[in-house]
C-alpha atoms as a PDB file:
ATOM      1  CA  MET A   1      -3.227  -1.410 -24.576  1.00  0.00           C
ATOM      2  CA  ILE A   2      -6.863  -0.439 -24.753  1.00  0.00           C
ATOM      3  CA  LYS A   3      -7.236  -2.234 -21.537  1.00  0.00           C
ATOM      4  CA  LEU A   4      -4.189  -0.176 -20.154  1.00  0.00           C
ATOM      5  CA  LEU A   5      -5.574   2.872 -20.748  1.00  0.00           C
ATOM      6  CA  ASN A   6      -8.792   2.235 -20.200  1.00  0.00           C
ATOM      7  CA  ARG A   7      -7.363   1.411 -16.389  1.00  0.00           C
ATOM      8  CA  PHE A   8      -6.483   5.002 -15.981  1.00  0.00           C
ATOM      9  CA  THR A   9      -8.866   5.911 -17.482  1.00  0.00           C
ATOM     10  CA  ASP A  10     -11.426   4.700 -15.674  1.00  0.00           C
ATOM     11  CA  PRO A  11     -12.893   6.214 -12.111  1.00  0.00           C
ATOM     12  CA  GLU A  12     -13.552   2.325 -10.704  1.00  0.00           C
ATOM     13  CA  THR A  13     -10.059   0.610 -11.916  1.00  0.00           C
ATOM     14  CA  ARG A  14      -7.708   3.514 -11.868  1.00  0.00           C
ATOM     15  CA  HIS A  15      -4.845   4.437  -8.949  1.00  0.00           C
ATOM     16  CA  PRO A  16      -6.180   6.787  -6.504  1.00  0.00           C
ATOM     17  CA  PHE A  17      -3.208   8.207  -7.155  1.00  0.00           C
ATOM     18  CA  PHE A  18      -3.831   8.960 -10.508  1.00  0.00           C
ATOM     19  CA  ASP A  19      -7.388  11.063  -8.691  1.00  0.00           C
ATOM     20  CA  GLN A  20      -4.897  12.594  -6.336  1.00  0.00           C
ATOM     21  CA  LEU A  21      -2.688  14.063  -9.107  1.00  0.00           C
ATOM     22  CA  GLU A  22      -5.404  15.199 -11.550  1.00  0.00           C
ATOM     23  CA  LYS A  23      -6.781  17.290  -8.668  1.00  0.00           C
ATOM     24  CA  LEU A  24      -3.497  18.799  -8.325  1.00  0.00           C
ATOM     25  CA  LEU A  25      -2.415  19.863 -11.816  1.00  0.00           C
ATOM     26  CA  LYS A  26      -6.818  20.992 -11.696  1.00  0.00           C
ATOM     27  CA  ASN A  27      -5.668  23.226  -8.665  1.00  0.00           C
ATOM     28  CA  LYS A  28      -3.986  26.651 -10.001  1.00  0.00           C
ATOM     29  CA  THR A  29      -1.831  27.213  -7.304  1.00  0.00           C
ATOM     30  CA  GLY A  30      -0.035  23.523  -7.069  1.00  0.00           C
ATOM     31  CA  VAL A  31       0.243  23.899 -10.431  1.00  0.00           C
ATOM     32  CA  ALA A  32       2.098  27.677 -10.149  1.00  0.00           C
ATOM     33  CA  GLY A  33       4.054  26.050  -6.811  1.00  0.00           C
ATOM     34  CA  LEU A  34       5.058  23.080  -9.100  1.00  0.00           C
ATOM     35  CA  ILE A  35       6.300  25.187 -12.282  1.00  0.00           C
ATOM     36  CA  ILE A  36       8.487  27.089  -9.701  1.00  0.00           C
ATOM     37  CA  ILE A  37       9.785  24.143  -8.019  1.00  0.00           C
ATOM     38  CA  THR A  38      10.665  22.427 -11.544  1.00  0.00           C
ATOM     39  CA  VAL A  39      12.689  25.454 -12.751  1.00  0.00           C
ATOM     40  CA  PHE A  40      14.879  25.779  -9.754  1.00  0.00           C
ATOM     41  CA  VAL A  41      15.552  21.383  -9.596  1.00  0.00           C
ATOM     42  CA  PHE A  42      15.833  21.688 -13.004  1.00  0.00           C
ATOM     43  CA  LEU A  43      18.713  24.748 -12.371  1.00  0.00           C
ATOM     44  CA  ALA A  44      19.528  22.282  -9.906  1.00  0.00           C
ATOM     45  CA  LEU A  45      20.948  19.441 -11.697  1.00  0.00           C
ATOM     46  CA  PHE A  46      21.899  21.252 -14.506  1.00  0.00           C
ATOM     47  CA  ALA A  47      24.074  24.084 -12.877  1.00  0.00           C
ATOM     48  CA  PRO A  48      26.923  23.393 -14.913  1.00  0.00           C
ATOM     49  CA  LEU A  49      25.908  23.759 -17.857  1.00  0.00           C
ATOM     50  CA  LEU A  50      23.674  26.952 -17.703  1.00  0.00           C
ATOM     51  CA  SER A  51      25.588  28.576 -15.247  1.00  0.00           C
ATOM     52  CA  PRO A  52      28.041  31.272 -17.774  1.00  0.00           C
ATOM     53  CA  HIS A  53      30.930  31.392 -15.510  1.00  0.00           C
ATOM     54  CA  ASP A  54      32.236  29.772 -12.542  1.00  0.00           C
ATOM     55  CA  PRO A  55      30.202  30.811  -9.621  1.00  0.00           C
ATOM     56  CA  VAL A  56      33.675  31.056  -7.259  1.00  0.00           C
ATOM     57  CA  GLU A  57      36.487  32.565  -9.833  1.00  0.00           C
ATOM     58  CA  ASN A  58      37.417  35.881  -8.878  1.00  0.00           C
ATOM     59  CA  ALA A  59      37.714  38.955 -11.740  1.00  0.00           C
ATOM     60  CA  LEU A  60      39.058  41.586  -9.403  1.00  0.00           C
ATOM     61  CA  TYR A  61      38.731  43.891 -12.667  1.00  0.00           C
ATOM     62  CA  ASP A  62      35.308  43.217 -12.849  1.00  0.00           C
ATOM     63  CA  GLN A  63      33.837  44.482  -9.624  1.00  0.00           C
ATOM     64  CA  LEU A  64      30.303  45.537  -8.999  1.00  0.00           C
ATOM     65  CA  LYS A  65      29.543  45.626 -12.475  1.00  0.00           C
ATOM     66  CA  PRO A  66      26.184  46.574 -13.033  1.00  0.00           C
ATOM     67  CA  PRO A  67      23.261  44.128 -14.747  1.00  0.00           C
ATOM     68  CA  MET A  68      23.157  43.424 -18.646  1.00  0.00           C
ATOM     69  CA  TRP A  69      26.930  44.509 -17.924  1.00  0.00           C
ATOM     70  CA  GLU A  70      28.619  44.410 -21.352  1.00  0.00           C
ATOM     71  CA  GLU A  71      32.619  44.036 -23.025  1.00  0.00           C
ATOM     72  CA  GLY A  72      33.200  44.948 -26.542  1.00  0.00           C
ATOM     73  CA  GLY A  73      29.514  44.345 -27.497  1.00  0.00           C
ATOM     74  CA  ALA A  74      28.600  41.133 -25.689  1.00  0.00           C
ATOM     75  CA  SER A  75      27.314  40.837 -22.497  1.00  0.00           C
ATOM     76  CA  LYS A  76      29.136  39.837 -20.506  1.00  0.00           C
ATOM     77  CA  ASN A  77      27.370  39.743 -16.818  1.00  0.00           C
ATOM     78  CA  ILE A  78      23.508  39.345 -16.850  1.00  0.00           C
ATOM     79  CA  LEU A  79      23.077  40.002 -13.732  1.00  0.00           C
ATOM     80  CA  GLY A  80      25.865  42.012 -12.753  1.00  0.00           C
ATOM     81  CA  THR A  81      28.938  41.230 -10.424  1.00  0.00           C
ATOM     82  CA  ASP A  82      29.853  41.016  -6.956  1.00  0.00           C
ATOM     83  CA  ASP A  83      32.450  42.734  -4.730  1.00  0.00           C
ATOM     84  CA  LEU A  84      35.203  40.144  -5.794  1.00  0.00           C
ATOM     85  CA  GLY A  85      33.682  40.766  -9.685  1.00  0.00           C
ATOM     86  CA  ARG A  86      31.892  37.026  -9.549  1.00  0.00           C
ATOM     87  CA  ASP A  87      29.651  36.370 -11.934  1.00  0.00           C
ATOM     88  CA  MET A  88      25.740  36.925  -9.968  1.00  0.00           C
ATOM     89  CA  LEU A  89      23.680  34.545 -12.150  1.00  0.00           C
ATOM     90  CA  SER A  90      26.133  31.569 -12.069  1.00  0.00           C
ATOM     91  CA  ARG A  91      26.055  32.016  -8.252  1.00  0.00           C
ATOM     92  CA  LEU A  92      22.456  32.128  -7.748  1.00  0.00           C
ATOM     93  CA  ILE A  93      21.896  29.178 -10.219  1.00  0.00           C
ATOM     94  CA  TYR A  94      24.894  27.329  -7.656  1.00  0.00           C
ATOM     95  CA  GLY A  95      22.728  29.070  -5.000  1.00  0.00           C
ATOM     96  CA  ALA A  96      19.864  26.648  -6.138  1.00  0.00           C
ATOM     97  CA  ARG A  97      22.059  23.676  -6.059  1.00  0.00           C
ATOM     98  CA  VAL A  98      22.987  24.575  -2.109  1.00  0.00           C
ATOM     99  CA  SER A  99      18.990  25.341  -1.205  1.00  0.00           C
ATOM    100  CA  LEU A 100      17.483  22.031  -3.023  1.00  0.00           C
ATOM    101  CA  MET A 101      19.994  19.779  -0.787  1.00  0.00           C
ATOM    102  CA  VAL A 102      19.591  22.422   2.250  1.00  0.00           C
ATOM    103  CA  GLY A 103      15.351  21.433   2.144  1.00  0.00           C
ATOM    104  CA  LEU A 104      16.696  17.735   1.387  1.00  0.00           C
ATOM    105  CA  VAL A 105      18.554  16.961   3.796  1.00  0.00           C
ATOM    106  CA  SER A 106      16.680  18.651   6.768  1.00  0.00           C
ATOM    107  CA  VAL A 107      13.010  17.872   5.881  1.00  0.00           C
ATOM    108  CA  GLY A 108      14.605  14.334   5.840  1.00  0.00           C
ATOM    109  CA  ILE A 109      15.782  14.357   9.351  1.00  0.00           C
ATOM    110  CA  ALA A 110      13.006  16.289  10.331  1.00  0.00           C
ATOM    111  CA  VAL A 111      11.229  13.751   8.719  1.00  0.00           C
ATOM    112  CA  PHE A 112      11.791  10.770   9.760  1.00  0.00           C
ATOM    113  CA  LEU A 113      13.331  11.333  13.109  1.00  0.00           C
ATOM    114  CA  GLY A 114       9.746  13.289  13.941  1.00  0.00           C
ATOM    115  CA  THR A 115       7.572  10.241  12.070  1.00  0.00           C
ATOM    116  CA  LEU A 116       9.464   7.906  14.527  1.00  0.00           C
ATOM    117  CA  PHE A 117       8.915   9.543  17.361  1.00  0.00           C
ATOM    118  CA  GLY A 118       4.784  10.322  16.201  1.00  0.00           C
ATOM    119  CA  ALA A 119       4.525   6.844  15.869  1.00  0.00           C
ATOM    120  CA  ILE A 120       5.812   5.998  18.902  1.00  0.00           C
ATOM    121  CA  ALA A 121       3.911   8.518  21.204  1.00  0.00           C
ATOM    122  CA  GLY A 122       0.546   7.771  19.067  1.00  0.00           C
ATOM    123  CA  TYR A 123       0.282   3.718  19.532  1.00  0.00           C
ATOM    124  CA  PHE A 124       1.370   3.417  22.646  1.00  0.00           C
ATOM    125  CA  GLY A 125       0.520   6.107  24.711  1.00  0.00           C
ATOM    126  CA  GLY A 126       1.384   6.594  28.401  1.00  0.00           C
ATOM    127  CA  TRP A 127       4.120   7.335  29.395  1.00  0.00           C
ATOM    128  CA  PRO A 128       6.052   7.376  26.214  1.00  0.00           C
ATOM    129  CA  ASP A 129       3.855   9.210  24.988  1.00  0.00           C
ATOM    130  CA  ASN A 130       4.345  11.986  28.183  1.00  0.00           C
ATOM    131  CA  ILE A 131       7.487  11.737  27.077  1.00  0.00           C
ATOM    132  CA  ILE A 132       8.386  11.912  24.055  1.00  0.00           C
ATOM    133  CA  MET A 133       5.327  15.180  23.427  1.00  0.00           C
ATOM    134  CA  ARG A 134       7.187  17.042  26.753  1.00  0.00           C
ATOM    135  CA  ILE A 135      10.405  17.011  25.387  1.00  0.00           C
ATOM    136  CA  MET A 136       9.122  17.903  21.877  1.00  0.00           C
ATOM    137  CA  ASP A 137       7.172  21.133  23.622  1.00  0.00           C
ATOM    138  CA  ILE A 138       9.559  21.921  25.285  1.00  0.00           C
ATOM    139  CA  ILE A 139      11.595  22.414  21.747  1.00  0.00           C
ATOM    140  CA  LEU A 140       8.139  24.015  20.189  1.00  0.00           C
ATOM    141  CA  ALA A 141       8.996  26.772  23.310  1.00  0.00           C
ATOM    142  CA  PHE A 142      12.012  27.833  21.950  1.00  0.00           C
ATOM    143  CA  PRO A 143      11.748  30.037  19.006  1.00  0.00           C
ATOM    144  CA  GLY A 144      13.206  28.182  15.737  1.00  0.00           C
ATOM    145  CA  ILE A 145      15.598  30.164  14.406  1.00  0.00           C
ATOM    146  CA  LEU A 146      17.405  30.693  17.855  1.00  0.00           C
ATOM    147  CA  LEU A 147      17.156  27.389  18.847  1.00  0.00           C
ATOM    148  CA  ALA A 148      19.542  26.768  15.370  1.00  0.00           C
ATOM    149  CA  ILE A 149      20.993  29.145  16.427  1.00  0.00           C
ATOM    150  CA  VAL A 150      22.421  27.589  19.777  1.00  0.00           C
ATOM    151  CA  ILE A 151      22.514  24.189  18.278  1.00  0.00           C
ATOM    152  CA  VAL A 152      25.070  25.500  15.145  1.00  0.00           C
ATOM    153  CA  ALA A 153      27.112  27.866  17.728  1.00  0.00           C
ATOM    154  CA  TYR A 154      28.192  24.074  19.769  1.00  0.00           C
ATOM    155  CA  LEU A 155      28.153  21.843  16.752  1.00  0.00           C
ATOM    156  CA  GLY A 156      30.174  24.667  14.949  1.00  0.00           C
ATOM    157  CA  PRO A 157      29.527  26.958  11.750  1.00  0.00           C
ATOM    158  CA  GLY A 158      29.037  25.186   8.567  1.00  0.00           C
ATOM    159  CA  LEU A 159      26.681  24.162   6.242  1.00  0.00           C
ATOM    160  CA  ARG A 160      26.673  20.687   7.283  1.00  0.00           C
ATOM    161  CA  ASN A 161      25.858  21.684  10.602  1.00  0.00           C
ATOM    162  CA  ALA A 162      23.216  23.659   9.616  1.00  0.00           C
ATOM    163  CA  MET A 163      21.031  21.510   8.037  1.00  0.00           C
ATOM    164  CA  ILE A 164      21.650  19.150  11.195  1.00  0.00           C
ATOM    165  CA  ALA A 165      20.038  22.564  13.376  1.00  0.00           C
ATOM    166  CA  ILE A 166      17.243  22.619  10.679  1.00  0.00           C
ATOM    167  CA  GLY A 167      16.415  19.694  10.467  1.00  0.00           C
ATOM    168  CA  VAL A 168      16.276  19.242  14.715  1.00  0.00           C
ATOM    169  CA  ILE A 169      14.084  22.366  14.853  1.00  0.00           C
ATOM    170  CA  ASN A 170      11.462  21.185  12.763  1.00  0.00           C
ATOM    171  CA  ILE A 171      10.821  17.710  14.287  1.00  0.00           C
ATOM    172  CA  PRO A 172       7.676  18.153  16.533  1.00  0.00           C
ATOM    173  CA  ARG A 173       6.311  19.568  13.249  1.00  0.00           C
ATOM    174  CA  PHE A 174       5.959  16.035  12.262  1.00  0.00           C
ATOM    175  CA  ALA A 175       6.078  14.100  15.653  1.00  0.00           C
ATOM    176  CA  ARG A 176       2.778  16.168  16.313  1.00  0.00           C
ATOM    177  CA  ILE A 177       1.253  15.629  12.841  1.00  0.00           C
ATOM    178  CA  VAL A 178       1.899  11.799  12.980  1.00  0.00           C
ATOM    179  CA  ARG A 179       0.772  11.133  16.754  1.00  0.00           C
ATOM    180  CA  ALA A 180      -2.677  12.556  15.845  1.00  0.00           C
ATOM    181  CA  SER A 181      -2.799  10.908  12.723  1.00  0.00           C
ATOM    182  CA  VAL A 182      -1.569   7.574  14.617  1.00  0.00           C
ATOM    183  CA  LEU A 183      -4.192   8.161  17.788  1.00  0.00           C
ATOM    184  CA  GLU A 184      -7.448   8.447  14.844  1.00  0.00           C
ATOM    185  CA  GLU A 185      -6.015   5.065  13.006  1.00  0.00           C
ATOM    186  CA  ASN A 186      -5.955   3.364  16.115  1.00  0.00           C
ATOM    187  CA  GLU A 187      -9.913   2.673  16.572  1.00  0.00           C
ATOM    188  CA  LYS A 188     -10.216   1.954  12.836  1.00  0.00           C
ATOM    189  CA  ASP A 189     -10.716  -1.450  12.541  1.00  0.00           C
ATOM    190  CA  TYR A 190      -8.241  -2.497  10.180  1.00  0.00           C
ATOM    191  CA  VAL A 191      -5.885  -1.742  12.996  1.00  0.00           C
ATOM    192  CA  LEU A 192      -7.869  -3.794  15.693  1.00  0.00           C
ATOM    193  CA  ALA A 193      -8.420  -6.361  13.696  1.00  0.00           C
ATOM    194  CA  ALA A 194      -4.690  -6.859  13.204  1.00  0.00           C
ATOM    195  CA  ARG A 195      -3.943  -6.702  16.560  1.00  0.00           C
ATOM    196  CA  ALA A 196      -6.804  -9.582  17.593  1.00  0.00           C
ATOM    197  CA  VAL A 197      -4.801 -12.087  15.092  1.00  0.00           C
ATOM    198  CA  GLY A 198      -1.711 -11.170  17.167  1.00  0.00           C
ATOM    199  CA  ALA A 199       0.591  -8.582  14.884  1.00  0.00           C
ATOM    200  CA  ARG A 200       3.394  -7.564  15.834  1.00  0.00           C
ATOM    201  CA  ASN A 201       3.260  -3.765  17.405  1.00  0.00           C
ATOM    202  CA  ARG A 202       6.364  -2.534  14.555  1.00  0.00           C
ATOM    203  CA  ARG A 203       4.073  -4.628  11.855  1.00  0.00           C
ATOM    204  CA  ILE A 204       1.633  -2.333  12.640  1.00  0.00           C
ATOM    205  CA  ILE A 205       3.036   0.554  12.975  1.00  0.00           C
ATOM    206  CA  PHE A 206       5.180   0.628   9.907  1.00  0.00           C
ATOM    207  CA  ASN A 207       2.974  -1.759   7.861  1.00  0.00           C
ATOM    208  CA  THR A 208      -0.240  -1.317   8.785  1.00  0.00           C
ATOM    209  CA  VAL A 209      -0.944   2.714  10.357  1.00  0.00           C
ATOM    210  CA  LEU A 210       1.696   4.726   8.862  1.00  0.00           C
ATOM    211  CA  PRO A 211       1.068   4.042   5.566  1.00  0.00           C
ATOM    212  CA  ASN A 212      -2.836   5.418   6.339  1.00  0.00           C
ATOM    213  CA  CYS A 213      -0.702   9.011   7.779  1.00  0.00           C
ATOM    214  CA  LEU A 214       1.520   9.927   4.537  1.00  0.00           C
ATOM    215  CA  ALA A 215      -0.784  12.918   2.554  1.00  0.00           C
ATOM    216  CA  PRO A 216      -0.776  15.408   6.138  1.00  0.00           C
ATOM    217  CA  ILE A 217       3.521  13.682   5.987  1.00  0.00           C
ATOM    218  CA  ILE A 218       3.265  15.070   2.993  1.00  0.00           C
ATOM    219  CA  VAL A 219       1.990  18.194   2.902  1.00  0.00           C
ATOM    220  CA  GLN A 220       4.091  19.329   5.343  1.00  0.00           C
ATOM    221  CA  ALA A 221       7.064  17.942   3.890  1.00  0.00           C
ATOM    222  CA  SER A 222       6.689  20.387   0.829  1.00  0.00           C
ATOM    223  CA  LEU A 223       6.107  23.084   3.329  1.00  0.00           C
ATOM    224  CA  GLY A 224       9.433  22.232   5.401  1.00  0.00           C
ATOM    225  CA  PHE A 225      11.355  22.649   2.233  1.00  0.00           C
ATOM    226  CA  GLY A 226      10.571  26.322   1.998  1.00  0.00           C
ATOM    227  CA  SER A 227      11.047  26.726   5.356  1.00  0.00           C
ATOM    228  CA  ALA A 228      14.504  24.763   5.067  1.00  0.00           C
ATOM    229  CA  ILE A 229      15.184  27.234   2.821  1.00  0.00           C
ATOM    230  CA  LEU A 230      13.811  30.028   4.844  1.00  0.00           C
ATOM    231  CA  ASP A 231      16.410  29.472   7.795  1.00  0.00           C
ATOM    232  CA  ALA A 232      19.579  28.218   6.251  1.00  0.00           C
ATOM    233  CA  ALA A 233      19.310  31.637   4.989  1.00  0.00           C
ATOM    234  CA  GLY A 234      18.727  33.323   8.148  1.00  0.00           C
ATOM    235  CA  LEU A 235      21.976  31.075   9.083  1.00  0.00           C
ATOM    236  CA  SER A 236      24.425  31.950   6.714  1.00  0.00           C
ATOM    237  CA  PHE A 237      23.274  35.913   7.271  1.00  0.00           C
ATOM    238  CA  LEU A 238      24.643  35.052  10.387  1.00  0.00           C
ATOM    239  CA  GLY A 239      28.073  33.417   9.623  1.00  0.00           C
ATOM    240  CA  LEU A 240      26.977  30.553  10.720  1.00  0.00           C
ATOM    241  CA  GLY A 241      25.500  28.657   7.844  1.00  0.00           C
ATOM    242  CA  ALA A 242      27.561  27.861   4.699  1.00  0.00           C
ATOM    243  CA  GLN A 243      30.879  29.710   4.359  1.00  0.00           C
ATOM    244  CA  PRO A 244      32.574  31.713   1.571  1.00  0.00           C
ATOM    245  CA  PRO A 245      33.211  31.181  -0.935  1.00  0.00           C
ATOM    246  CA  ILE A 246      29.760  28.679  -1.470  1.00  0.00           C
ATOM    247  CA  PRO A 247      27.388  30.399  -3.414  1.00  0.00           C
ATOM    248  CA  GLU A 248      24.131  30.507  -1.248  1.00  0.00           C
ATOM    249  CA  TRP A 249      21.609  32.960  -1.292  1.00  0.00           C
ATOM    250  CA  GLY A 250      21.793  33.946   2.600  1.00  0.00           C
ATOM    251  CA  ALA A 251      25.286  34.585   2.428  1.00  0.00           C
ATOM    252  CA  MET A 252      24.967  36.603  -1.095  1.00  0.00           C
ATOM    253  CA  ILE A 253      22.602  38.498   0.774  1.00  0.00           C
ATOM    254  CA  ALA A 254      24.571  39.553   4.279  1.00  0.00           C
ATOM    255  CA  MET A 255      27.658  40.050   2.025  1.00  0.00           C
ATOM    256  CA  GLY A 256      25.640  42.816  -0.737  1.00  0.00           C
ATOM    257  CA  ARG A 257      24.076  44.257   2.274  1.00  0.00           C
ATOM    258  CA  SER A 258      26.901  47.261   2.692  1.00  0.00           C
ATOM    259  CA  MET A 259      26.385  47.964  -0.798  1.00  0.00           C
ATOM    260  CA  ILE A 260      22.434  47.614  -1.082  1.00  0.00           C
ATOM    261  CA  LEU A 261      23.540  51.791  -1.977  1.00  0.00           C
ATOM    262  CA  ARG A 262      25.733  51.902  -4.984  1.00  0.00           C
ATOM    263  CA  ALA A 263      24.821  47.425  -5.816  1.00  0.00           C
ATOM    264  CA  TRP A 264      21.770  47.015  -5.117  1.00  0.00           C
ATOM    265  CA  TRP A 265      21.625  43.742  -7.190  1.00  0.00           C
ATOM    266  CA  VAL A 266      24.326  42.503  -5.155  1.00  0.00           C
ATOM    267  CA  MET A 267      21.264  41.946  -2.032  1.00  0.00           C
ATOM    268  CA  THR A 268      18.314  42.485  -4.565  1.00  0.00           C
ATOM    269  CA  PHE A 269      18.589  38.960  -6.765  1.00  0.00           C
ATOM    270  CA  PRO A 270      19.603  36.472  -3.645  1.00  0.00           C
ATOM    271  CA  GLY A 271      16.224  38.026  -2.448  1.00  0.00           C
ATOM    272  CA  ILE A 272      13.990  37.257  -5.089  1.00  0.00           C
ATOM    273  CA  ALA A 273      15.477  33.465  -5.326  1.00  0.00           C
ATOM    274  CA  ILE A 274      14.318  33.207  -2.000  1.00  0.00           C
ATOM    275  CA  LEU A 275      11.293  34.213  -2.259  1.00  0.00           C
ATOM    276  CA  LEU A 276      10.619  32.863  -5.159  1.00  0.00           C
ATOM    277  CA  GLY A 277      11.371  29.676  -3.977  1.00  0.00           C
ATOM    278  CA  VAL A 278       9.881  29.286  -0.692  1.00  0.00           C
ATOM    279  CA  LEU A 279       6.340  30.728  -2.878  1.00  0.00           C
ATOM    280  CA  GLY A 280       6.774  27.743  -4.930  1.00  0.00           C
ATOM    281  CA  PHE A 281       6.665  25.021  -2.111  1.00  0.00           C
ATOM    282  CA  ASN A 282       4.336  27.030  -0.292  1.00  0.00           C
ATOM    283  CA  LEU A 283       1.663  26.734  -3.289  1.00  0.00           C
ATOM    284  CA  LEU A 284       2.704  23.414  -3.941  1.00  0.00           C
ATOM    285  CA  GLY A 285       1.914  22.211  -0.426  1.00  0.00           C
ATOM    286  CA  ASP A 286      -1.277  24.188   0.160  1.00  0.00           C
ATOM    287  CA  GLY A 287      -1.883  22.497  -3.769  1.00  0.00           C
ATOM    288  CA  LEU A 288      -1.102  18.594  -1.873  1.00  0.00           C
ATOM    289  CA  ARG A 289      -2.962  19.802   0.854  1.00  0.00           C
ATOM    290  CA  ASP A 290      -6.297  20.131  -1.386  1.00  0.00           C
ATOM    291  CA  ALA A 291      -5.467  16.831  -3.564  1.00  0.00           C
ATOM    292  CA  LEU A 292      -4.708  14.526  -0.786  1.00  0.00           C
ATOM    293  CA  ASP A 293      -7.544  15.793   2.224  1.00  0.00           C
ATOM    294  CA  PRO A 294      -9.924  13.224   2.021  1.00  0.00           C
ATOM    295  CA  ARG A 295     -12.257  15.523   3.369  1.00  0.00           C
ATOM    296  CA  LEU A 296     -11.883  18.446   0.113  1.00  0.00           C
ATOM    297  CA  ARG A 297     -12.554  15.886  -2.288  1.00  0.00           C
ATOM    298  CA  ASP A 298     -15.235  15.871  -4.449  1.00  0.00           C
END
């Protein structure tokens, strides 16, 4: 037991992961983001236990009830109800599940394809590099939300197609980051040694080069989560993302915009949820950058 503790506490023997984790936990910005994200993940995982009501159940007699509305001396809807009498708190809690799923799927698509294309372009160079990066440049030439609208309009409205569109528009970000990292790693001795002993290109890329490019990918993935939540909310606001009665924050804002003056809570609380979600992932991304970037280490 003492040997195990010494292994984690001795700076000379413990794994670098623990140094990076310690640096992240010392970063107030990163810790703040981690706390916000932990709360949202907790809400998403235990939504059925935490939500006081069914998020899609209509209660037409309770339409547009204000926050802290009480019935019979007991609080019935802490954050009020929407125009169909649905509980706002329950919809916000389930909305966290939808937003995190959107971030996970769309960022997963972007990371997988962007890393693949960026690694091929950076490692081989020449015409593969030119073709891949010119395609990435073409995608980047379009405003992201506009390109997402075009893709969803072609595939059809819906949450699944919105996640695909968001993943596609974020591929160039990861491709450019991975390409730059691979170009830097290509000139290092361990890559030259692997080539000298006859290792296959696939093995060099995936087993040797990419593991040393994880730091910028992780940071960009964290920032990409926040961007994906914001893009999904924008598509749902336009009616191209999550469709009723799915409790998605952007769709909830779209529903409440026509009643902002007489029922401000219908639009305000989902907006605050989007703000906190995006802020949490951005703060965590900044903290991860400080912890993983070797140029910022003491």
